Amino acid sequence: MEARSELEITLVETLALMKSQATATNLYIQEIRTTLSSVTSRMDRLEQGQGQIDQELETIKLGQGQIKRKRVGNPDLHDQQNGCDGRRDRRQNRRKDSIAIR
């Protein structure tokens, strides 16, 4: 009788340990699933953002084909930005102004 009760105690302890390990494993698997879900959600948002960036780049590329270059603002400044100092243009403009005043 004594041997049987020791065997029962050992079995009950073994089953309790197995149950404890199974519970810990289930909690670990739930954490992995939660993390995976979070990563999947982040990846989806990144892909959506990438799609928006791709669309904007395509719009920019299309827009660049339609842009015509115009001189806007101060022509002297425009010439300076293009590597010309603009002095010749200013002299010509002064001559035109003086002719228009007379």
PDB file of N, CA and C in Angstrom:
ATOM      1  N   MET A   1       0.805  -1.180   0.000  1.00  0.00           N
ATOM      2  CA  MET A   1       0.000   0.000   0.000  1.00  0.00           C
ATOM      3  C   MET A   1       0.860   1.261   0.000  1.00  0.00           C
ATOM      4  N   GLU A   2       1.914   1.184   0.760  1.00  0.00           N
ATOM      5  CA  GLU A   2       2.834   2.315   0.867  1.00  0.00           C
ATOM      6  C   GLU A   2       3.476   2.628  -0.479  1.00  0.00           C
ATOM      7  N   ALA A   3       3.866   1.606  -1.219  1.00  0.00           N
ATOM      8  CA  ALA A   3       4.515   1.813  -2.519  1.00  0.00           C
ATOM      9  C   ALA A   3       3.544   2.421  -3.508  1.00  0.00           C
ATOM     10  N   ARG A   4       2.303   1.979  -3.388  1.00  0.00           N
ATOM     11  CA  ARG A   4       1.305   2.497  -4.311  1.00  0.00           C
ATOM     12  C   ARG A   4       1.039   3.968  -4.063  1.00  0.00           C
ATOM     13  N   SER A   5       0.957   4.411  -2.870  1.00  0.00           N
ATOM     14  CA  SER A   5       0.708   5.814  -2.578  1.00  0.00           C
ATOM     15  C   SER A   5       1.894   6.683  -2.995  1.00  0.00           C
ATOM     16  N   GLU A   6       3.125   6.149  -2.872  1.00  0.00           N
ATOM     17  CA  GLU A   6       4.290   6.901  -3.348  1.00  0.00           C
ATOM     18  C   GLU A   6       4.253   7.036  -4.861  1.00  0.00           C
ATOM     19  N   LEU A   7       3.822   5.987  -5.531  1.00  0.00           N
ATOM     20  CA  LEU A   7       3.677   6.026  -6.985  1.00  0.00           C
ATOM     21  C   LEU A   7       2.602   7.039  -7.371  1.00  0.00           C
ATOM     22  N   GLU A   8       1.496   7.058  -6.655  1.00  0.00           N
ATOM     23  CA  GLU A   8       0.433   8.017  -6.928  1.00  0.00           C
ATOM     24  C   GLU A   8       0.924   9.444  -6.710  1.00  0.00           C
ATOM     25  N   ILE A   9       1.663   9.652  -5.644  1.00  0.00           N
ATOM     26  CA  ILE A   9       2.203  10.993  -5.352  1.00  0.00           C
ATOM     27  C   ILE A   9       3.150  11.433  -6.462  1.00  0.00           C
ATOM     28  N   THR A  10       4.003  10.523  -6.894  1.00  0.00           N
ATOM     29  CA  THR A  10       4.951  10.830  -7.960  1.00  0.00           C
ATOM     30  C   THR A  10       4.217  11.168  -9.256  1.00  0.00           C
ATOM     31  N   LEU A  11       3.197  10.391  -9.571  1.00  0.00           N
ATOM     32  CA  LEU A  11       2.408  10.648 -10.787  1.00  0.00           C
ATOM     33  C   LEU A  11       1.683  11.990 -10.710  1.00  0.00           C
ATOM     34  N   VAL A  12       1.088  12.280  -9.565  1.00  0.00           N
ATOM     35  CA  VAL A  12       0.366  13.540  -9.390  1.00  0.00           C
ATOM     36  C   VAL A  12       1.343  14.709  -9.515  1.00  0.00           C
ATOM     37  N   GLU A  13       2.514  14.601  -8.906  1.00  0.00           N
ATOM     38  CA  GLU A  13       3.526  15.666  -9.010  1.00  0.00           C
ATOM     39  C   GLU A  13       4.007  15.837 -10.446  1.00  0.00           C
ATOM     40  N   THR A  14       4.191  14.707 -11.133  1.00  0.00           N
ATOM     41  CA  THR A  14       4.621  14.754 -12.529  1.00  0.00           C
ATOM     42  C   THR A  14       3.566  15.422 -13.403  1.00  0.00           C
ATOM     43  N   LEU A  15       2.308  15.061 -13.189  1.00  0.00           N
ATOM     44  CA  LEU A  15       1.210  15.672 -13.952  1.00  0.00           C
ATOM     45  C   LEU A  15       1.102  17.172 -13.647  1.00  0.00           C
ATOM     46  N   ALA A  16       1.274  17.550 -12.396  1.00  0.00           N
ATOM     47  CA  ALA A  16       1.222  18.963 -12.020  1.00  0.00           C
ATOM     48  C   ALA A  16       2.356  19.737 -12.697  1.00  0.00           C
ATOM     49  N   LEU A  17       3.542  19.139 -12.727  1.00  0.00           N
ATOM     50  CA  LEU A  17       4.686  19.776 -13.392  1.00  0.00           C
ATOM     51  C   LEU A  17       4.429  19.912 -14.889  1.00  0.00           C
ATOM     52  N   MET A  18       3.868  18.879 -15.507  1.00  0.00           N
ATOM     53  CA  MET A  18       3.563  18.925 -16.947  1.00  0.00           C
ATOM     54  C   MET A  18       2.523  20.003 -17.237  1.00  0.00           C
ATOM     55  N   LYS A  19       1.511  20.113 -16.361  1.00  0.00           N
ATOM     56  CA  LYS A  19       0.477  21.136 -16.538  1.00  0.00           C
ATOM     57  C   LYS A  19       1.089  22.528 -16.420  1.00  0.00           C
ATOM     58  N   SER A  20       1.967  22.700 -15.470  1.00  0.00           N
ATOM     59  CA  SER A  20       2.643  23.982 -15.271  1.00  0.00           C
ATOM     60  C   SER A  20       3.476  24.362 -16.514  1.00  0.00           C
ATOM     61  N   GLN A  21       4.201  23.384 -17.029  1.00  0.00           N
ATOM     62  CA  GLN A  21       5.011  23.620 -18.229  1.00  0.00           C
ATOM     63  C   GLN A  21       4.135  23.946 -19.438  1.00  0.00           C
ATOM     64  N   ALA A  22       3.004  23.247 -19.564  1.00  0.00           N
ATOM     65  CA  ALA A  22       2.088  23.506 -20.680  1.00  0.00           C
ATOM     66  C   ALA A  22       1.510  24.920 -20.578  1.00  0.00           C
ATOM     67  N   THR A  23       1.168  25.354 -19.378  1.00  0.00           N
ATOM     68  CA  THR A  23       0.639  26.704 -19.181  1.00  0.00           C
ATOM     69  C   THR A  23       1.686  27.752 -19.559  1.00  0.00           C
ATOM     70  N   ALA A  24       2.919  27.538 -19.098  1.00  0.00           N
ATOM     71  CA  ALA A  24       3.996  28.479 -19.432  1.00  0.00           C
ATOM     72  C   ALA A  24       4.234  28.522 -20.945  1.00  0.00           C
ATOM     73  N   THR A  25       4.179  27.358 -21.574  1.00  0.00           N
ATOM     74  CA  THR A  25       4.378  27.296 -23.027  1.00  0.00           C
ATOM     75  C   THR A  25       3.253  28.023 -23.752  1.00  0.00           C
ATOM     76  N   ASN A  26       2.025  27.848 -23.302  1.00  0.00           N
ATOM     77  CA  ASN A  26       0.894  28.550 -23.917  1.00  0.00           C
ATOM     78  C   ASN A  26       1.035  30.067 -23.788  1.00  0.00           C
ATOM     79  N   LEU A  27       1.448  30.541 -22.614  1.00  0.00           N
ATOM     80  CA  LEU A  27       1.670  31.978 -22.431  1.00  0.00           C
ATOM     81  C   LEU A  27       2.766  32.490 -23.379  1.00  0.00           C
ATOM     82  N   TYR A  28       3.828  31.728 -23.519  1.00  0.00           N
ATOM     83  CA  TYR A  28       4.927  32.094 -24.412  1.00  0.00           C
ATOM     84  C   TYR A  28       4.442  32.159 -25.858  1.00  0.00           C
ATOM     85  N   ILE A  29       3.640  31.181 -26.262  1.00  0.00           N
ATOM     86  CA  ILE A  29       3.100  31.162 -27.631  1.00  0.00           C
ATOM     87  C   ILE A  29       2.172  32.362 -27.848  1.00  0.00           C
ATOM     88  N   GLN A  30       1.381  32.735 -26.847  1.00  0.00           N
ATOM     89  CA  GLN A  30       0.510  33.909 -26.973  1.00  0.00           C
ATOM     90  C   GLN A  30       1.339  35.183 -27.158  1.00  0.00           C
ATOM     91  N   GLU A  31       2.428  35.303 -26.420  1.00  0.00           N
ATOM     92  CA  GLU A  31       3.316  36.467 -26.579  1.00  0.00           C
ATOM     93  C   GLU A  31       3.893  36.517 -27.989  1.00  0.00           C
ATOM     94  N   ILE A  32       4.291  35.365 -28.501  1.00  0.00           N
ATOM     95  CA  ILE A  32       4.830  35.305 -29.863  1.00  0.00           C
ATOM     96  C   ILE A  32       3.761  35.743 -30.870  1.00  0.00           C
ATOM     97  N   ARG A  33       2.542  35.275 -30.701  1.00  0.00           N
ATOM     98  CA  ARG A  33       1.452  35.653 -31.610  1.00  0.00           C
ATOM     99  C   ARG A  33       1.171  37.153 -31.540  1.00  0.00           C
ATOM    100  N   THR A  34       1.157  37.704 -30.322  1.00  0.00           N
ATOM    101  CA  THR A  34       0.925  39.141 -30.155  1.00  0.00           C
ATOM    102  C   THR A  34       2.030  39.944 -30.834  1.00  0.00           C
ATOM    103  N   THR A  35       3.261  39.524 -30.635  1.00  0.00           N
ATOM    104  CA  THR A  35       4.389  40.215 -31.267  1.00  0.00           C
ATOM    105  C   THR A  35       4.301  40.110 -32.778  1.00  0.00           C
ATOM    106  N   LEU A  36       3.987  38.933 -33.275  1.00  0.00           N
ATOM    107  CA  LEU A  36       3.856  38.728 -34.720  1.00  0.00           C
ATOM    108  C   LEU A  36       2.740  39.590 -35.286  1.00  0.00           C
ATOM    109  N   SER A  37       1.640  39.677 -34.581  1.00  0.00           N
ATOM    110  CA  SER A  37       0.524  40.517 -35.024  1.00  0.00           C
ATOM    111  C   SER A  37       0.938  41.989 -35.069  1.00  0.00           C
ATOM    112  N   SER A  38       1.660  42.422 -34.066  1.00  0.00           N
ATOM    113  CA  SER A  38       2.138  43.803 -34.019  1.00  0.00           C
ATOM    114  C   SER A  38       3.096  44.091 -35.178  1.00  0.00           C
ATOM    115  N   VAL A  39       4.007  43.168 -35.424  1.00  0.00           N
ATOM    116  CA  VAL A  39       4.956  43.336 -36.527  1.00  0.00           C
ATOM    117  C   VAL A  39       4.219  43.350 -37.867  1.00  0.00           C
ATOM    118  N   THR A  40       3.239  42.487 -38.013  1.00  0.00           N
ATOM    119  CA  THR A  40       2.449  42.444 -39.251  1.00  0.00           C
ATOM    120  C   THR A  40       1.722  43.764 -39.459  1.00  0.00           C
ATOM    121  N   SER A  41       1.151  44.306 -38.389  1.00  0.00           N
ATOM    122  CA  SER A  41       0.459  45.592 -38.472  1.00  0.00           C
ATOM    123  C   SER A  41       1.416  46.704 -38.884  1.00  0.00           C
ATOM    124  N   ARG A  42       2.592  46.723 -38.295  1.00  0.00           N
ATOM    125  CA  ARG A  42       3.596  47.742 -38.651  1.00  0.00           C
ATOM    126  C   ARG A  42       4.019  47.605 -40.108  1.00  0.00           C
ATOM    127  N   MET A  43       4.224  46.388 -40.546  1.00  0.00           N
ATOM    128  CA  MET A  43       4.614  46.157 -41.937  1.00  0.00           C
ATOM    129  C   MET A  43       3.524  46.625 -42.900  1.00  0.00           C
ATOM    130  N   ASP A  44       2.273  46.386 -42.549  1.00  0.00           N
ATOM    131  CA  ASP A  44       1.162  46.852 -43.385  1.00  0.00           C
ATOM    132  C   ASP A  44       1.167  48.374 -43.488  1.00  0.00           C
ATOM    133  N   ARG A  45       1.381  49.051 -42.345  1.00  0.00           N
ATOM    134  CA  ARG A  45       1.428  50.518 -42.372  1.00  0.00           C
ATOM    135  C   ARG A  45       2.610  51.010 -43.201  1.00  0.00           C
ATOM    136  N   LEU A  46       3.749  50.335 -43.084  1.00  0.00           N
ATOM    137  CA  LEU A  46       4.921  50.714 -43.886  1.00  0.00           C
ATOM    138  C   LEU A  46       4.653  50.534 -45.374  1.00  0.00           C
ATOM    139  N   GLU A  47       3.999  49.442 -45.725  1.00  0.00           N
ATOM    140  CA  GLU A  47       3.677  49.192 -47.130  1.00  0.00           C
ATOM    141  C   GLU A  47       2.697  50.230 -47.653  1.00  0.00           C
ATOM    142  N   GLN A  48       1.726  50.635 -46.825  1.00  0.00           N
ATOM    143  CA  GLN A  48       0.798  51.683 -47.240  1.00  0.00           C
ATOM    144  C   GLN A  48       1.535  52.995 -47.456  1.00  0.00           C
ATOM    145  N   GLY A  49       2.442  53.312 -46.532  1.00  0.00           N
ATOM    146  CA  GLY A  49       3.247  54.532 -46.677  1.00  0.00           C
ATOM    147  C   GLY A  49       4.113  54.472 -47.915  1.00  0.00           C
ATOM    148  N   GLN A  50       4.688  53.320 -48.190  1.00  0.00           N
ATOM    149  CA  GLN A  50       5.512  53.157 -49.389  1.00  0.00           C
ATOM    150  C   GLN A  50       4.666  53.340 -50.640  1.00  0.00           C
ATOM    151  N   GLY A  51       3.431  52.832 -50.607  1.00  0.00           N
ATOM    152  CA  GLY A  51       2.521  53.008 -51.743  1.00  0.00           C
ATOM    153  C   GLY A  51       2.204  54.478 -51.973  1.00  0.00           C
ATOM    154  N   GLN A  52       1.990  55.222 -50.890  1.00  0.00           N
ATOM    155  CA  GLN A  52       1.719  56.647 -51.022  1.00  0.00           C
ATOM    156  C   GLN A  52       2.936  57.377 -51.577  1.00  0.00           C
ATOM    157  N   ILE A  53       4.115  57.016 -51.103  1.00  0.00           N
ATOM    158  CA  ILE A  53       5.346  57.636 -51.607  1.00  0.00           C
ATOM    159  C   ILE A  53       5.511  57.336 -53.086  1.00  0.00           C
ATOM    160  N   ASP A  54       5.256  56.105 -53.482  1.00  0.00           N
ATOM    161  CA  ASP A  54       5.356  55.736 -54.899  1.00  0.00           C
ATOM    162  C   ASP A  54       4.382  56.545 -55.748  1.00  0.00           C
ATOM    163  N   GLN A  55       3.159  56.734 -55.248  1.00  0.00           N
ATOM    164  CA  GLN A  55       2.171  57.520 -55.985  1.00  0.00           C
ATOM    165  C   GLN A  55       2.614  58.977 -56.113  1.00  0.00           C
ATOM    166  N   GLU A  56       3.139  59.538 -55.026  1.00  0.00           N
ATOM    167  CA  GLU A  56       3.597  60.927 -55.061  1.00  0.00           C
ATOM    168  C   GLU A  56       4.775  61.089 -56.006  1.00  0.00           C
ATOM    169  N   LEU A  57       5.696  60.127 -56.001  1.00  0.00           N
ATOM    170  CA  LEU A  57       6.823  60.185 -56.928  1.00  0.00           C
ATOM    171  C   LEU A  57       6.350  60.112 -58.372  1.00  0.00           C
ATOM    172  N   GLU A  58       5.372  59.278 -58.625  1.00  0.00           N
ATOM    173  CA  GLU A  58       4.824  59.174 -59.980  1.00  0.00           C
ATOM    174  C   GLU A  58       4.170  60.485 -60.391  1.00  0.00           C
ATOM    175  N   THR A  59       3.443  61.112 -59.443  1.00  0.00           N
ATOM    176  CA  THR A  59       2.825  62.405 -59.723  1.00  0.00           C
ATOM    177  C   THR A  59       3.891  63.452 -60.020  1.00  0.00           C
ATOM    178  N   ILE A  60       4.970  63.436 -59.257  1.00  0.00           N
ATOM    179  CA  ILE A  60       6.056  64.386 -59.486  1.00  0.00           C
ATOM    180  C   ILE A  60       6.680  64.152 -60.848  1.00  0.00           C
ATOM    181  N   LYS A  61       6.912  62.907 -61.196  1.00  0.00           N
ATOM    182  CA  LYS A  61       7.500  62.595 -62.501  1.00  0.00           C
ATOM    183  C   LYS A  61       6.598  63.068 -63.633  1.00  0.00           C
ATOM    184  N   LEU A  62       5.279  62.831 -63.481  1.00  0.00           N
ATOM    185  CA  LEU A  62       4.340  63.288 -64.498  1.00  0.00           C
ATOM    186  C   LEU A  62       4.322  64.808 -64.567  1.00  0.00           C
ATOM    187  N   GLY A  63       4.362  65.449 -63.407  1.00  0.00           N
ATOM    188  CA  GLY A  63       4.347  66.907 -63.349  1.00  0.00           C
ATOM    189  C   GLY A  63       5.589  67.522 -63.962  1.00  0.00           C
ATOM    190  N   GLN A  64       6.726  66.885 -63.827  1.00  0.00           N
ATOM    191  CA  GLN A  64       7.960  67.419 -64.389  1.00  0.00           C
ATOM    192  C   GLN A  64       7.909  67.436 -65.907  1.00  0.00           C
ATOM    193  N   GLY A  65       7.203  66.503 -66.480  1.00  0.00           N
ATOM    194  CA  GLY A  65       7.074  66.477 -67.934  1.00  0.00           C
ATOM    195  C   GLY A  65       6.197  67.607 -68.436  1.00  0.00           C
ATOM    196  N   GLN A  66       5.336  68.156 -67.582  1.00  0.00           N
ATOM    197  CA  GLN A  66       4.420  69.209 -67.992  1.00  0.00           C
ATOM    198  C   GLN A  66       4.932  70.606 -67.667  1.00  0.00           C
ATOM    199  N   ILE A  67       5.956  70.699 -66.839  1.00  0.00           N
ATOM    200  CA  ILE A  67       6.459  72.012 -66.424  1.00  0.00           C
ATOM    201  C   ILE A  67       7.228  72.642 -67.583  1.00  0.00           C
ATOM    202  N   LYS A  68       6.893  73.883 -67.872  1.00  0.00           N
ATOM    203  CA  LYS A  68       7.644  74.651 -68.847  1.00  0.00           C
ATOM    204  C   LYS A  68       8.473  75.650 -68.077  1.00  0.00           C
ATOM    205  N   ARG A  69       9.699  75.803 -68.464  1.00  0.00           N
ATOM    206  CA  ARG A  69      10.588  76.691 -67.735  1.00  0.00           C
ATOM    207  C   ARG A  69      10.227  78.135 -68.045  1.00  0.00           C
ATOM    208  N   LYS A  70       9.996  78.918 -67.007  1.00  0.00           N
ATOM    209  CA  LYS A  70       9.657  80.319 -67.161  1.00  0.00           C
ATOM    210  C   LYS A  70      10.603  81.142 -66.313  1.00  0.00           C
ATOM    211  N   ARG A  71      10.825  82.379 -66.739  1.00  0.00           N
ATOM    212  CA  ARG A  71      11.578  83.321 -65.928  1.00  0.00           C
ATOM    213  C   ARG A  71      10.563  84.078 -65.095  1.00  0.00           C
ATOM    214  N   VAL A  72      10.691  83.941 -63.805  1.00  0.00           N
ATOM    215  CA  VAL A  72       9.760  84.597 -62.900  1.00  0.00           C
ATOM    216  C   VAL A  72      10.561  85.450 -61.943  1.00  0.00           C
ATOM    217  N   GLY A  73      10.047  86.628 -61.642  1.00  0.00           N
ATOM    218  CA  GLY A  73      10.701  87.471 -60.657  1.00  0.00           C
ATOM    219  C   GLY A  73      11.769  88.346 -61.277  1.00  0.00           C
ATOM    220  N   ASN A  74      12.803  88.618 -60.538  1.00  0.00           N
ATOM    221  CA  ASN A  74      13.888  89.510 -60.933  1.00  0.00           C
ATOM    222  C   ASN A  74      14.760  88.836 -61.988  1.00  0.00           C
ATOM    223  N   PRO A  75      14.836  89.372 -63.211  1.00  0.00           N
ATOM    224  CA  PRO A  75      15.642  88.726 -64.245  1.00  0.00           C
ATOM    225  C   PRO A  75      17.126  88.743 -63.907  1.00  0.00           C
ATOM    226  N   ASP A  76      17.592  89.794 -63.202  1.00  0.00           N
ATOM    227  CA  ASP A  76      19.006  89.841 -62.819  1.00  0.00           C
ATOM    228  C   ASP A  76      19.342  88.691 -61.878  1.00  0.00           C
ATOM    229  N   LEU A  77      18.442  88.426 -60.940  1.00  0.00           N
ATOM    230  CA  LEU A  77      18.642  87.328 -59.998  1.00  0.00           C
ATOM    231  C   LEU A  77      18.647  86.008 -60.752  1.00  0.00           C
ATOM    232  N   HIS A  78      17.742  85.874 -61.722  1.00  0.00           N
ATOM    233  CA  HIS A  78      17.686  84.656 -62.525  1.00  0.00           C
ATOM    234  C   HIS A  78      19.003  84.448 -63.271  1.00  0.00           C
ATOM    235  N   ASP A  79      19.550  85.532 -63.843  1.00  0.00           N
ATOM    236  CA  ASP A  79      20.813  85.418 -64.569  1.00  0.00           C
ATOM    237  C   ASP A  79      21.956  85.082 -63.625  1.00  0.00           C
ATOM    238  N   GLN A  80      21.934  85.648 -62.430  1.00  0.00           N
ATOM    239  CA  GLN A  80      22.991  85.348 -61.466  1.00  0.00           C
ATOM    240  C   GLN A  80      22.954  83.876 -61.068  1.00  0.00           C
ATOM    241  N   GLN A  81      21.754  83.344 -60.938  1.00  0.00           N
ATOM    242  CA  GLN A  81      21.634  81.938 -60.573  1.00  0.00           C
ATOM    243  C   GLN A  81      22.100  81.044 -61.710  1.00  0.00           C
ATOM    244  N   ASN A  82      22.028  81.525 -62.932  1.00  0.00           N
ATOM    245  CA  ASN A  82      22.444  80.733 -64.088  1.00  0.00           C
ATOM    246  C   ASN A  82      23.885  81.010 -64.485  1.00  0.00           C
ATOM    247  N   GLY A  83      24.635  81.702 -63.641  1.00  0.00           N
ATOM    248  CA  GLY A  83      26.052  81.892 -63.906  1.00  0.00           C
ATOM    249  C   GLY A  83      26.391  83.191 -64.623  1.00  0.00           C
ATOM    250  N   CYS A  84      25.456  84.067 -64.888  1.00  0.00           N
ATOM    251  CA  CYS A  84      25.688  85.347 -65.534  1.00  0.00           C
ATOM    252  C   CYS A  84      25.501  86.421 -64.483  1.00  0.00           C
ATOM    253  N   ASP A  85      26.336  87.446 -64.525  1.00  0.00           N
ATOM    254  CA  ASP A  85      26.226  88.458 -63.478  1.00  0.00           C
ATOM    255  C   ASP A  85      25.095  89.440 -63.723  1.00  0.00           C
ATOM    256  N   GLY A  86      24.524  89.488 -64.912  1.00  0.00           N
ATOM    257  CA  GLY A  86      23.360  90.316 -65.158  1.00  0.00           C
ATOM    258  C   GLY A  86      23.696  91.766 -65.472  1.00  0.00           C
ATOM    259  N   ARG A  87      24.978  92.167 -65.503  1.00  0.00           N
ATOM    260  CA  ARG A  87      25.343  93.564 -65.754  1.00  0.00           C
ATOM    261  C   ARG A  87      24.890  94.022 -67.135  1.00  0.00           C
ATOM    262  N   ARG A  88      25.103  93.213 -68.114  1.00  0.00           N
ATOM    263  CA  ARG A  88      24.735  93.591 -69.474  1.00  0.00           C
ATOM    264  C   ARG A  88      23.224  93.848 -69.574  1.00  0.00           C
ATOM    265  N   ASP A  89      22.441  92.961 -68.945  1.00  0.00           N
ATOM    266  CA  ASP A  89      20.991  93.129 -68.967  1.00  0.00           C
ATOM    267  C   ASP A  89      20.587  94.432 -68.280  1.00  0.00           C
ATOM    268  N   ARG A  90      21.216  94.770 -67.162  1.00  0.00           N
ATOM    269  CA  ARG A  90      20.881  95.997 -66.446  1.00  0.00           C
ATOM    270  C   ARG A  90      21.193  97.218 -67.298  1.00  0.00           C
ATOM    271  N   ARG A  91      22.347  97.198 -67.994  1.00  0.00           N
ATOM    272  CA  ARG A  91      22.695  98.335 -68.868  1.00  0.00           C
ATOM    273  C   ARG A  91      21.655  98.494 -69.975  1.00  0.00           C
ATOM    274  N   GLN A  92      21.242  97.371 -70.552  1.00  0.00           N
ATOM    275  CA  GLN A  92      20.247  97.440 -71.617  1.00  0.00           C
ATOM    276  C   GLN A  92      18.921  97.948 -71.067  1.00  0.00           C
ATOM    277  N   ASN A  93      18.557  97.533 -69.868  1.00  0.00           N
ATOM    278  CA  ASN A  93      17.314  97.993 -69.257  1.00  0.00           C
ATOM    279  C   ASN A  93      17.365  99.481 -68.972  1.00  0.00           C
ATOM    280  N   ARG A  94      18.512 100.004 -68.523  1.00  0.00           N
ATOM    281  CA  ARG A  94      18.647 101.441 -68.259  1.00  0.00           C
ATOM    282  C   ARG A  94      18.474 102.232 -69.552  1.00  0.00           C
ATOM    283  N   ARG A  95      19.077 101.705 -70.621  1.00  0.00           N
ATOM    284  CA  ARG A  95      18.949 102.395 -71.916  1.00  0.00           C
ATOM    285  C   ARG A  95      17.489 102.429 -72.348  1.00  0.00           C
ATOM    286  N   LYS A  96      16.788 101.327 -72.184  1.00  0.00           N
ATOM    287  CA  LYS A  96      15.382 101.285 -72.565  1.00  0.00           C
ATOM    288  C   LYS A  96      14.571 102.259 -71.714  1.00  0.00           C
ATOM    289  N   ASP A  97      14.901 102.320 -70.413  1.00  0.00           N
ATOM    290  CA  ASP A  97      14.181 103.246 -69.519  1.00  0.00           C
ATOM    291  C   ASP A  97      14.440 104.685 -69.917  1.00  0.00           C
ATOM    292  N   SER A  98      15.689 105.017 -70.237  1.00  0.00           N
ATOM    293  CA  SER A  98      16.013 106.403 -70.593  1.00  0.00           C
ATOM    294  C   SER A  98      15.370 106.772 -71.923  1.00  0.00           C
ATOM    295  N   ILE A  99      15.276 105.839 -72.852  1.00  0.00           N
ATOM    296  CA  ILE A  99      14.633 106.121 -74.112  1.00  0.00           C
ATOM    297  C   ILE A  99      13.136 106.323 -73.890  1.00  0.00           C
ATOM    298  N   ALA A 100      12.540 105.547 -73.017  1.00  0.00           N
ATOM    299  CA  ALA A 100      11.109 105.648 -72.763  1.00  0.00           C
ATOM    300  C   ALA A 100      10.770 106.957 -72.062  1.00  0.00           C
ATOM    301  N   ILE A 101      11.675 107.499 -71.231  1.00  0.00           N
ATOM    302  CA  ILE A 101      11.419 108.730 -70.504  1.00  0.00           C
ATOM    303  C   ILE A 101      11.410 109.929 -71.459  1.00  0.00           C
ATOM    304  N   ARG A 102      12.299 109.944 -72.437  1.00  0.00           N
ATOM    305  CA  ARG A 102      12.410 111.071 -73.372  1.00  0.00           C
ATOM    306  C   ARG A 102      11.184 111.173 -74.163  1.00  0.00           C
TER     307      ARG A 102
END
